[in-house]
Amino acid sequence: MIHTSANFIRHVGDNVQHIHGHFMSHLQHVASGQDYDIDQLHSELDLAVENFNARGSGFNIDVITDFTVVLTLFRPLSGSSYIPTPPSLVKKKSK
């Protein structure tokens, strides 16, 4: 997952306006057979900026103030131990 913050700027007449925006990408599962899809990340962040400017605000990215990559180790659950059947149940020999 990527967390990004950026400062936006626009010129309105003689004034310069600034605004701060925060964006976040979706999770991606990365494994030995599956690389990180940088194209998907690029598309998501472009879409987020377009949505930020959806109402024709005219803001442009001035500077990216934060770009954080969040990595988390995935450990799937799996059976790794054996619990013997209690003797009282083994003696019943039920099916």
C-alpha atoms as a PDB file:
ATOM      1  CA  MET A   1       0.000   0.000   0.000  1.00  0.00           C
ATOM      2  CA  ILE A   2       1.201   3.512  -0.736  1.00  0.00           C
ATOM      3  CA  HIS A   3       0.349   6.628   1.299  1.00  0.00           C
ATOM      4  CA  THR A   4       1.080   9.873  -0.516  1.00  0.00           C
ATOM      5  CA  SER A   5       0.675  13.514   0.455  1.00  0.00           C
ATOM      6  CA  ALA A   6       1.164  16.449  -1.885  1.00  0.00           C
ATOM      7  CA  ASN A   7       0.844  20.207  -1.944  1.00  0.00           C
ATOM      8  CA  PHE A   8      -1.255  21.592  -4.792  1.00  0.00           C
ATOM      9  CA  ILE A   9      -1.082  25.095  -6.192  1.00  0.00           C
ATOM     10  CA  ARG A  10      -3.150  27.255  -8.537  1.00  0.00           C
ATOM     11  CA  HIS A  11      -2.990  30.829  -9.705  1.00  0.00           C
ATOM     12  CA  VAL A  12      -6.205  32.854  -9.531  1.00  0.00           C
ATOM     13  CA  GLY A  13      -5.589  36.324 -10.889  1.00  0.00           C
ATOM     14  CA  ASP A  14      -2.756  37.803  -8.834  1.00  0.00           C
ATOM     15  CA  ASN A  15      -3.294  35.338  -5.976  1.00  0.00           C
ATOM     16  CA  VAL A  16      -1.641  31.965  -5.447  1.00  0.00           C
ATOM     17  CA  GLN A  17      -3.703  29.339  -3.613  1.00  0.00           C
ATOM     18  CA  HIS A  18      -2.299  26.269  -1.887  1.00  0.00           C
ATOM     19  CA  ILE A  19      -4.065  23.115  -0.716  1.00  0.00           C
ATOM     20  CA  HIS A  20      -2.836  19.825   0.730  1.00  0.00           C
ATOM     21  CA  GLY A  21      -4.035  16.419  -0.523  1.00  0.00           C
ATOM     22  CA  HIS A  22      -3.681  12.869   0.813  1.00  0.00           C
ATOM     23  CA  PHE A  23      -3.930   9.738  -1.326  1.00  0.00           C
ATOM     24  CA  MET A  24      -3.758   6.005  -0.689  1.00  0.00           C
ATOM     25  CA  SER A  25      -3.474   3.027  -3.034  1.00  0.00           C
ATOM     26  CA  HIS A  26      -5.102  -0.386  -2.645  1.00  0.00           C
ATOM     27  CA  LEU A  27      -3.308  -3.361  -1.158  1.00  0.00           C
ATOM     28  CA  GLN A  28      -1.298  -5.598  -3.466  1.00  0.00           C
ATOM     29  CA  HIS A  29      -0.238  -9.133  -2.643  1.00  0.00           C
ATOM     30  CA  VAL A  30       3.387  -9.688  -3.609  1.00  0.00           C
ATOM     31  CA  ALA A  31       4.963 -13.149  -3.587  1.00  0.00           C
ATOM     32  CA  SER A  32       7.831 -14.983  -5.242  1.00  0.00           C
ATOM     33  CA  GLY A  33       5.690 -15.587  -8.331  1.00  0.00           C
ATOM     34  CA  GLN A  34       3.867 -12.241  -8.310  1.00  0.00           C
ATOM     35  CA  ASP A  35       5.720  -8.916  -8.536  1.00  0.00           C
ATOM     36  CA  TYR A  36       4.475  -5.520  -7.407  1.00  0.00           C
ATOM     37  CA  ASP A  37       2.381  -3.977 -10.183  1.00  0.00           C
ATOM     38  CA  ILE A  38       3.836  -0.482 -10.543  1.00  0.00           C
ATOM     39  CA  ASP A  39       1.488   0.267 -13.460  1.00  0.00           C
ATOM     40  CA  GLN A  40      -1.542  -0.325 -11.214  1.00  0.00           C
ATOM     41  CA  LEU A  41      -0.044   1.984  -8.595  1.00  0.00           C
ATOM     42  CA  HIS A  42       0.575   4.685 -11.204  1.00  0.00           C
ATOM     43  CA  SER A  43      -3.004   4.373 -12.506  1.00  0.00           C
ATOM     44  CA  GLU A  44      -4.507   4.522  -9.008  1.00  0.00           C
ATOM     45  CA  LEU A  45      -2.559   7.621  -8.010  1.00  0.00           C
ATOM     46  CA  ASP A  46      -3.341   9.360 -11.330  1.00  0.00           C
ATOM     47  CA  LEU A  47      -7.035   8.592 -10.845  1.00  0.00           C
ATOM     48  CA  ALA A  48      -6.918   9.872  -7.258  1.00  0.00           C
ATOM     49  CA  VAL A  49      -5.403  13.184  -8.394  1.00  0.00           C
ATOM     50  CA  GLU A  50      -7.970  13.443 -11.224  1.00  0.00           C
ATOM     51  CA  ASN A  51     -10.793  12.852  -8.722  1.00  0.00           C
ATOM     52  CA  PHE A  52      -9.231  15.468  -6.461  1.00  0.00           C
ATOM     53  CA  ASN A  53      -9.534  17.942  -9.353  1.00  0.00           C
ATOM     54  CA  ALA A  54     -12.851  16.526 -10.633  1.00  0.00           C
ATOM     55  CA  ARG A  55     -14.780  19.764 -10.243  1.00  0.00           C
ATOM     56  CA  GLY A  56     -12.330  21.739 -12.394  1.00  0.00           C
ATOM     57  CA  SER A  57     -10.457  23.286  -9.497  1.00  0.00           C
ATOM     58  CA  GLY A  58      -7.352  23.796 -11.639  1.00  0.00           C
ATOM     59  CA  PHE A  59      -4.924  22.776  -8.894  1.00  0.00           C
ATOM     60  CA  ASN A  60      -1.615  21.265 -10.005  1.00  0.00           C
ATOM     61  CA  ILE A  61       0.851  19.259  -7.941  1.00  0.00           C
ATOM     62  CA  ASP A  62       3.529  21.581  -6.610  1.00  0.00           C
ATOM     63  CA  VAL A  63       5.505  19.152  -4.448  1.00  0.00           C
ATOM     64  CA  ILE A  64       5.057  15.649  -3.048  1.00  0.00           C
ATOM     65  CA  THR A  65       5.594  15.972   0.693  1.00  0.00           C
ATOM     66  CA  ASP A  66       5.274  12.321   1.704  1.00  0.00           C
ATOM     67  CA  PHE A  67       5.570   9.005  -0.128  1.00  0.00           C
ATOM     68  CA  THR A  68       5.334   5.999   2.178  1.00  0.00           C
ATOM     69  CA  VAL A  69       5.438   2.352   1.107  1.00  0.00           C
ATOM     70  CA  VAL A  70       3.705   0.074   3.627  1.00  0.00           C
ATOM     71  CA  LEU A  71       4.927  -3.539   3.610  1.00  0.00           C
ATOM     72  CA  THR A  72       3.467  -6.267   5.789  1.00  0.00           C
ATOM     73  CA  LEU A  73       4.663  -9.846   6.023  1.00  0.00           C
ATOM     74  CA  PHE A  74       1.871 -12.298   5.190  1.00  0.00           C
ATOM     75  CA  ARG A  75       1.915 -15.560   7.115  1.00  0.00           C
ATOM     76  CA  PRO A  76      -0.981 -17.790   6.075  1.00  0.00           C
ATOM     77  CA  LEU A  77      -2.489 -20.019   8.710  1.00  0.00           C
ATOM     78  CA  SER A  78      -1.647 -23.692   8.411  1.00  0.00           C
ATOM     79  CA  GLY A  79      -1.915 -26.782  10.532  1.00  0.00           C
ATOM     80  CA  SER A  80       1.372 -27.562  12.233  1.00  0.00           C
ATOM     81  CA  SER A  81       0.555 -29.694  15.241  1.00  0.00           C
ATOM     82  CA  TYR A  82      -1.134 -32.952  16.092  1.00  0.00           C
ATOM     83  CA  ILE A  83      -3.556 -33.315  18.988  1.00  0.00           C
ATOM     84  CA  PRO A  84      -4.226 -36.961  19.861  1.00  0.00           C
ATOM     85  CA  THR A  85      -7.815 -38.132  20.291  1.00  0.00           C
ATOM     86  CA  PRO A  86      -8.693 -38.460  23.979  1.00  0.00           C
ATOM     87  CA  PRO A  87      -8.654 -42.098  25.205  1.00  0.00           C
ATOM     88  CA  SER A  88     -12.319 -41.913  26.230  1.00  0.00           C
ATOM     89  CA  LEU A  89     -13.301 -41.287  22.568  1.00  0.00           C
ATOM     90  CA  VAL A  90     -10.899 -43.884  21.154  1.00  0.00           C
ATOM     91  CA  LYS A  91     -12.463 -46.611  23.337  1.00  0.00           C
ATOM     92  CA  LYS A  92     -15.935 -45.930  21.892  1.00  0.00           C
ATOM     93  CA  LYS A  93     -14.774 -46.960  18.393  1.00  0.00           C
ATOM     94  CA  SER A  94     -17.624 -45.015  16.899  1.00  0.00           C
ATOM     95  CA  LYS A  95     -17.901 -44.221  13.211  1.00  0.00           C
END
